[in-house]
Amino acid sequence: MKPFSPACERNQQSILDVLLDYLGDAKTVFEVGAGTGQHAVFFAASMPWLEWIASDLAERHAGISAWIREAGLANLGGPVELDAGADQEWPVNGVDAVFTANTLHIMPWRIGAKMIARSADALRHGGLLFIYGPFNRAGSHVGRGNALFDAQLRAAGGGQGLRDIEIVEEQARVADLSALAVHEMPANNFVLVFRRV
């Protein structure tokens, strides 16, 4: 049985609306943390001119593969095994964009910072990094729901928790990524967009 995320179903169109503003000339997008595989299928089907490559931890590959097989899209690749916290070279280089959704708050910040740096390394000059998810602004929660979610994540341990947009932007600068835009999304989420300089 394919895994299914109601949140993916709800947010995919609004995320696509943002991606379409940037990826009209893109050839390759590498997704970090493809999760169920729903986003990969939806975005690849909606942008047939580019190759979408899904990646995630090995234990998630069966579910992602089920979505990919059923979709049968020629422009959808993967799943590629990727552990964002491992000291390994990423399997792609010179891609037009890296996309990740709902990952930074479920990993320790040291791994999140490494993911941002490795994303920059994987991008061509001028390539784009898209990070979707819930974030804090100026150290404050955006909405009561985000505050409750953050408290749950931190109580669970493991270094999880919502990140401040400003801290993510500072880490991106260290990795030679310039902040292009912060798009406000439904349900107090955001898409952060960065360009490799």
C-alpha atoms as a PDB file:
ATOM      1  CA  MET A   1       0.000   0.000   0.000  1.00  0.00           C
ATOM      2  CA  LYS A   2       1.258   3.488  -0.842  1.00  0.00           C
ATOM      3  CA  PRO A   3       1.889   5.808   2.094  1.00  0.00           C
ATOM      4  CA  PHE A   4      -0.360   8.863   2.099  1.00  0.00           C
ATOM      5  CA  SER A   5       0.027  12.260   3.739  1.00  0.00           C
ATOM      6  CA  PRO A   6      -3.067  14.489   3.921  1.00  0.00           C
ATOM      7  CA  ALA A   7      -0.762  17.477   4.453  1.00  0.00           C
ATOM      8  CA  CYS A   8       1.007  16.787   1.141  1.00  0.00           C
ATOM      9  CA  GLU A   9      -2.353  16.604  -0.579  1.00  0.00           C
ATOM     10  CA  ARG A  10      -3.374  19.958   0.895  1.00  0.00           C
ATOM     11  CA  ASN A  11      -0.193  21.919   0.283  1.00  0.00           C
ATOM     12  CA  GLN A  12       1.071  20.654  -3.080  1.00  0.00           C
ATOM     13  CA  GLN A  13      -0.858  23.074  -5.291  1.00  0.00           C
ATOM     14  CA  SER A  14       0.151  26.153  -3.308  1.00  0.00           C
ATOM     15  CA  ILE A  15       3.798  25.039  -3.390  1.00  0.00           C
ATOM     16  CA  LEU A  16       3.576  24.377  -7.123  1.00  0.00           C
ATOM     17  CA  ASP A  17       2.257  27.900  -7.680  1.00  0.00           C
ATOM     18  CA  VAL A  18       5.497  29.225  -6.162  1.00  0.00           C
ATOM     19  CA  LEU A  19       7.781  26.792  -8.002  1.00  0.00           C
ATOM     20  CA  LEU A  20       6.256  27.693 -11.357  1.00  0.00           C
ATOM     21  CA  ASP A  21       7.451  31.278 -10.906  1.00  0.00           C
ATOM     22  CA  TYR A  22      11.061  30.075 -10.794  1.00  0.00           C
ATOM     23  CA  LEU A  23      11.418  26.790 -12.672  1.00  0.00           C
ATOM     24  CA  GLY A  24      10.187  27.604 -16.177  1.00  0.00           C
ATOM     25  CA  ASP A  25      13.677  27.044 -17.627  1.00  0.00           C
ATOM     26  CA  ALA A  26      14.883  24.396 -15.171  1.00  0.00           C
ATOM     27  CA  LYS A  27      16.123  21.024 -16.365  1.00  0.00           C
ATOM     28  CA  THR A  28      16.802  19.125 -13.126  1.00  0.00           C
ATOM     29  CA  VAL A  29      15.415  19.373  -9.578  1.00  0.00           C
ATOM     30  CA  PHE A  30      16.739  17.263  -6.714  1.00  0.00           C
ATOM     31  CA  GLU A  31      14.305  16.670  -3.840  1.00  0.00           C
ATOM     32  CA  VAL A  32      15.759  16.065  -0.383  1.00  0.00           C
ATOM     33  CA  GLY A  33      13.482  14.101   1.935  1.00  0.00           C
ATOM     34  CA  ALA A  34      10.783  12.983  -0.486  1.00  0.00           C
ATOM     35  CA  GLY A  35       8.789  11.378   2.342  1.00  0.00           C
ATOM     36  CA  THR A  36       5.774   9.566   0.924  1.00  0.00           C
ATOM     37  CA  GLY A  37       6.679  10.434  -2.677  1.00  0.00           C
ATOM     38  CA  GLN A  38       3.469  12.399  -3.278  1.00  0.00           C
ATOM     39  CA  HIS A  39       5.205  15.713  -3.897  1.00  0.00           C
ATOM     40  CA  ALA A  40       7.635  14.136  -6.340  1.00  0.00           C
ATOM     41  CA  VAL A  41       4.826  12.673  -8.430  1.00  0.00           C
ATOM     42  CA  PHE A  42       2.687  15.810  -8.349  1.00  0.00           C
ATOM     43  CA  PHE A  43       5.498  18.211  -9.224  1.00  0.00           C
ATOM     44  CA  ALA A  44       6.990  15.997 -11.934  1.00  0.00           C
ATOM     45  CA  ALA A  45       3.564  15.579 -13.525  1.00  0.00           C
ATOM     46  CA  SER A  46       2.918  19.319 -13.337  1.00  0.00           C
ATOM     47  CA  MET A  47       6.328  20.313 -14.782  1.00  0.00           C
ATOM     48  CA  PRO A  48       7.010  17.765 -17.548  1.00  0.00           C
ATOM     49  CA  TRP A  49       9.860  19.824 -19.044  1.00  0.00           C
ATOM     50  CA  LEU A  50      12.171  19.064 -16.108  1.00  0.00           C
ATOM     51  CA  GLU A  51      13.589  15.952 -14.458  1.00  0.00           C
ATOM     52  CA  TRP A  52      12.564  15.563 -10.815  1.00  0.00           C
ATOM     53  CA  ILE A  53      14.830  13.302  -8.733  1.00  0.00           C
ATOM     54  CA  ALA A  54      13.463  12.095  -5.392  1.00  0.00           C
ATOM     55  CA  SER A  55      15.737  11.143  -2.490  1.00  0.00           C
ATOM     56  CA  ASP A  56      15.327  10.018   1.098  1.00  0.00           C
ATOM     57  CA  LEU A  57      16.543   7.563   3.698  1.00  0.00           C
ATOM     58  CA  ALA A  58      16.552   3.936   2.545  1.00  0.00           C
ATOM     59  CA  GLU A  59      13.683   2.951   4.845  1.00  0.00           C
ATOM     60  CA  ARG A  60      11.330   5.283   2.973  1.00  0.00           C
ATOM     61  CA  HIS A  61      12.169   4.008  -0.501  1.00  0.00           C
ATOM     62  CA  ALA A  62       9.460   1.337  -0.676  1.00  0.00           C
ATOM     63  CA  GLY A  63       6.685   3.903  -0.285  1.00  0.00           C
ATOM     64  CA  ILE A  64       8.278   6.408  -2.646  1.00  0.00           C
ATOM     65  CA  SER A  65       8.856   3.687  -5.230  1.00  0.00           C
ATOM     66  CA  ALA A  66       5.197   2.682  -5.060  1.00  0.00           C
ATOM     67  CA  TRP A  67       4.133   6.216  -5.978  1.00  0.00           C
ATOM     68  CA  ILE A  68       6.759   6.483  -8.734  1.00  0.00           C
ATOM     69  CA  ARG A  69       5.849   3.123 -10.271  1.00  0.00           C
ATOM     70  CA  GLU A  70       2.152   3.933 -10.346  1.00  0.00           C
ATOM     71  CA  ALA A  71       2.750   7.363 -11.881  1.00  0.00           C
ATOM     72  CA  GLY A  72       4.951   5.995 -14.677  1.00  0.00           C
ATOM     73  CA  LEU A  73       6.411   9.421 -15.440  1.00  0.00           C
ATOM     74  CA  ALA A  74       9.423   9.577 -17.751  1.00  0.00           C
ATOM     75  CA  ASN A  75      10.741  12.699 -16.010  1.00  0.00           C
ATOM     76  CA  LEU A  76      10.619  11.307 -12.448  1.00  0.00           C
ATOM     77  CA  GLY A  77      13.741   9.622 -11.087  1.00  0.00           C
ATOM     78  CA  GLY A  78      14.719   7.895  -7.868  1.00  0.00           C
ATOM     79  CA  PRO A  79      14.353   7.255  -5.121  1.00  0.00           C
ATOM     80  CA  VAL A  80      18.023   7.944  -4.458  1.00  0.00           C
ATOM     81  CA  GLU A  81      19.393   7.005  -1.040  1.00  0.00           C
ATOM     82  CA  LEU A  82      20.411  10.111   0.889  1.00  0.00           C
ATOM     83  CA  ASP A  83      21.097  10.726   4.561  1.00  0.00           C
ATOM     84  CA  ALA A  84      21.413  14.484   4.992  1.00  0.00           C
ATOM     85  CA  GLY A  85      23.457  14.039   8.153  1.00  0.00           C
ATOM     86  CA  ALA A  86      25.993  11.601   6.736  1.00  0.00           C
ATOM     87  CA  ASP A  87      29.464  12.635   5.649  1.00  0.00           C
ATOM     88  CA  GLN A  88      28.978  11.583   2.056  1.00  0.00           C
ATOM     89  CA  GLU A  89      29.009  13.248  -1.308  1.00  0.00           C
ATOM     90  CA  TRP A  90      25.584  13.855  -2.745  1.00  0.00           C
ATOM     91  CA  PRO A  91      24.748  11.861  -5.891  1.00  0.00           C
ATOM     92  CA  VAL A  92      24.020  14.960  -7.968  1.00  0.00           C
ATOM     93  CA  ASN A  93      26.036  17.975  -9.024  1.00  0.00           C
ATOM     94  CA  GLY A  94      25.199  21.079 -11.020  1.00  0.00           C
ATOM     95  CA  VAL A  95      21.413  20.751 -10.711  1.00  0.00           C
ATOM     96  CA  ASP A  96      19.149  23.716 -11.385  1.00  0.00           C
ATOM     97  CA  ALA A  97      17.287  23.455  -8.087  1.00  0.00           C
ATOM     98  CA  VAL A  98      17.103  21.617  -4.787  1.00  0.00           C
ATOM     99  CA  PHE A  99      13.721  21.286  -3.098  1.00  0.00           C
ATOM    100  CA  THR A 100      12.933  20.111   0.408  1.00  0.00           C
ATOM    101  CA  ALA A 101       9.667  20.154   2.352  1.00  0.00           C
ATOM    102  CA  ASN A 102       9.048  19.730   6.073  1.00  0.00           C
ATOM    103  CA  THR A 103      12.550  18.574   6.881  1.00  0.00           C
ATOM    104  CA  LEU A 104      14.374  21.291   8.831  1.00  0.00           C
ATOM    105  CA  HIS A 105      12.155  21.041  11.898  1.00  0.00           C
ATOM    106  CA  ILE A 106      12.423  17.249  12.217  1.00  0.00           C
ATOM    107  CA  MET A 107      16.235  17.069  12.227  1.00  0.00           C
ATOM    108  CA  PRO A 108      18.821  18.518  14.613  1.00  0.00           C
ATOM    109  CA  TRP A 109      19.979  21.940  13.475  1.00  0.00           C
ATOM    110  CA  ARG A 110      23.559  20.700  12.915  1.00  0.00           C
ATOM    111  CA  ILE A 111      22.152  18.331  10.264  1.00  0.00           C
ATOM    112  CA  GLY A 112      19.899  21.040   8.856  1.00  0.00           C
ATOM    113  CA  ALA A 113      22.885  23.350   8.489  1.00  0.00           C
ATOM    114  CA  LYS A 114      24.810  20.578   6.735  1.00  0.00           C
ATOM    115  CA  MET A 115      21.859  19.986   4.398  1.00  0.00           C
ATOM    116  CA  ILE A 116      21.833  23.657   3.406  1.00  0.00           C
ATOM    117  CA  ALA A 117      25.580  23.597   2.724  1.00  0.00           C
ATOM    118  CA  ARG A 118      25.377  20.374   0.705  1.00  0.00           C
ATOM    119  CA  SER A 119      22.422  21.760  -1.242  1.00  0.00           C
ATOM    120  CA  ALA A 120      24.554  24.736  -2.223  1.00  0.00           C
ATOM    121  CA  ASP A 121      27.341  22.399  -3.344  1.00  0.00           C
ATOM    122  CA  ALA A 122      24.888  20.431  -5.510  1.00  0.00           C
ATOM    123  CA  LEU A 123      23.573  23.517  -7.315  1.00  0.00           C
ATOM    124  CA  ARG A 124      24.935  25.038 -10.482  1.00  0.00           C
ATOM    125  CA  HIS A 125      25.956  28.682 -10.333  1.00  0.00           C
ATOM    126  CA  GLY A 126      22.687  30.609 -10.089  1.00  0.00           C
ATOM    127  CA  GLY A 127      20.765  27.486  -9.036  1.00  0.00           C
ATOM    128  CA  LEU A 128      17.904  27.709  -6.548  1.00  0.00           C
ATOM    129  CA  LEU A 129      17.191  26.160  -3.165  1.00  0.00           C
ATOM    130  CA  PHE A 130      13.558  25.927  -2.020  1.00  0.00           C
ATOM    131  CA  ILE A 131      12.780  25.121   1.624  1.00  0.00           C
ATOM    132  CA  TYR A 132       9.114  24.628   2.545  1.00  0.00           C
ATOM    133  CA  GLY A 133       7.744  24.281   6.052  1.00  0.00           C
ATOM    134  CA  PRO A 134       6.767  26.030   9.277  1.00  0.00           C
ATOM    135  CA  PHE A 135       9.205  28.619  10.596  1.00  0.00           C
ATOM    136  CA  ASN A 136       9.462  31.268  13.296  1.00  0.00           C
ATOM    137  CA  ARG A 137       9.951  34.926  12.412  1.00  0.00           C
ATOM    138  CA  ALA A 138      12.279  37.087  14.504  1.00  0.00           C
ATOM    139  CA  GLY A 139      12.247  34.482  17.252  1.00  0.00           C
ATOM    140  CA  SER A 140       8.451  34.389  17.519  1.00  0.00           C
ATOM    141  CA  HIS A 141       5.940  31.733  16.533  1.00  0.00           C
ATOM    142  CA  VAL A 142       3.623  32.465  13.626  1.00  0.00           C
ATOM    143  CA  GLY A 143       0.259  31.408  15.008  1.00  0.00           C
ATOM    144  CA  ARG A 144      -0.825  29.329  17.988  1.00  0.00           C
ATOM    145  CA  GLY A 145      -0.789  26.114  15.971  1.00  0.00           C
ATOM    146  CA  ASN A 146       2.907  26.546  15.188  1.00  0.00           C
ATOM    147  CA  ALA A 147       3.655  27.260  18.855  1.00  0.00           C
ATOM    148  CA  LEU A 148       1.933  24.025  19.906  1.00  0.00           C
ATOM    149  CA  PHE A 149       3.660  22.057  17.151  1.00  0.00           C
ATOM    150  CA  ASP A 150       7.050  23.453  18.170  1.00  0.00           C
ATOM    151  CA  ALA A 151       6.447  22.493  21.800  1.00  0.00           C
ATOM    152  CA  GLN A 152       5.557  18.937  20.749  1.00  0.00           C
ATOM    153  CA  LEU A 153       8.687  18.628  18.616  1.00  0.00           C
ATOM    154  CA  ARG A 154      10.975  19.907  21.357  1.00  0.00           C
ATOM    155  CA  ALA A 155       9.365  17.674  23.962  1.00  0.00           C
ATOM    156  CA  ALA A 156      10.054  14.678  21.709  1.00  0.00           C
ATOM    157  CA  GLY A 157      13.775  15.457  21.848  1.00  0.00           C
ATOM    158  CA  GLY A 158      16.355  14.672  19.228  1.00  0.00           C
ATOM    159  CA  GLY A 159      17.004  18.334  18.458  1.00  0.00           C
ATOM    160  CA  GLN A 160      13.712  18.817  16.653  1.00  0.00           C
ATOM    161  CA  GLY A 161      11.964  22.183  16.546  1.00  0.00           C
ATOM    162  CA  LEU A 162      10.861  25.043  14.346  1.00  0.00           C
ATOM    163  CA  ARG A 163      13.729  27.192  13.049  1.00  0.00           C
ATOM    164  CA  ASP A 164      13.872  30.967  12.772  1.00  0.00           C
ATOM    165  CA  ILE A 165      13.826  32.211   9.196  1.00  0.00           C
ATOM    166  CA  GLU A 166      16.665  34.590  10.047  1.00  0.00           C
ATOM    167  CA  ILE A 167      18.884  31.743  11.279  1.00  0.00           C
ATOM    168  CA  VAL A 168      18.218  29.748   8.128  1.00  0.00           C
ATOM    169  CA  GLU A 169      19.070  32.806   6.018  1.00  0.00           C
ATOM    170  CA  GLU A 170      22.322  33.318   7.940  1.00  0.00           C
ATOM    171  CA  GLN A 171      23.317  29.690   7.414  1.00  0.00           C
ATOM    172  CA  ALA A 172      22.504  30.071   3.722  1.00  0.00           C
ATOM    173  CA  ARG A 173      24.790  33.103   3.501  1.00  0.00           C
ATOM    174  CA  VAL A 174      27.621  31.045   4.993  1.00  0.00           C
ATOM    175  CA  ALA A 175      27.015  28.511   2.207  1.00  0.00           C
ATOM    176  CA  ASP A 176      27.178  31.213  -0.513  1.00  0.00           C
ATOM    177  CA  LEU A 177      23.425  31.302  -1.011  1.00  0.00           C
ATOM    178  CA  SER A 178      21.615  34.625  -1.260  1.00  0.00           C
ATOM    179  CA  ALA A 179      18.075  34.981   0.059  1.00  0.00           C
ATOM    180  CA  LEU A 180      15.698  35.733  -2.815  1.00  0.00           C
ATOM    181  CA  ALA A 181      12.237  35.564  -1.283  1.00  0.00           C
ATOM    182  CA  VAL A 182      10.063  34.444   1.613  1.00  0.00           C
ATOM    183  CA  HIS A 183       6.658  33.301   0.395  1.00  0.00           C
ATOM    184  CA  GLU A 184       3.886  33.085   2.972  1.00  0.00           C
ATOM    185  CA  MET A 185       1.831  29.928   2.487  1.00  0.00           C
ATOM    186  CA  PRO A 186      -1.421  28.520   3.874  1.00  0.00           C
ATOM    187  CA  ALA A 187      -1.524  27.133   7.434  1.00  0.00           C
ATOM    188  CA  ASN A 188       1.340  29.374   8.638  1.00  0.00           C
ATOM    189  CA  ASN A 189       3.952  27.768   6.417  1.00  0.00           C
ATOM    190  CA  PHE A 190       6.555  29.402   4.186  1.00  0.00           C
ATOM    191  CA  VAL A 191       8.657  28.748   1.120  1.00  0.00           C
ATOM    192  CA  LEU A 192      12.160  30.187   1.504  1.00  0.00           C
ATOM    193  CA  VAL A 193      13.992  30.715  -1.787  1.00  0.00           C
ATOM    194  CA  PHE A 194      17.758  31.046  -2.121  1.00  0.00           C
ATOM    195  CA  ARG A 195      20.111  31.421  -5.102  1.00  0.00           C
ATOM    196  CA  ARG A 196      23.677  30.103  -5.317  1.00  0.00           C
ATOM    197  CA  VAL A 197      26.043  33.025  -5.845  1.00  0.00           C
END
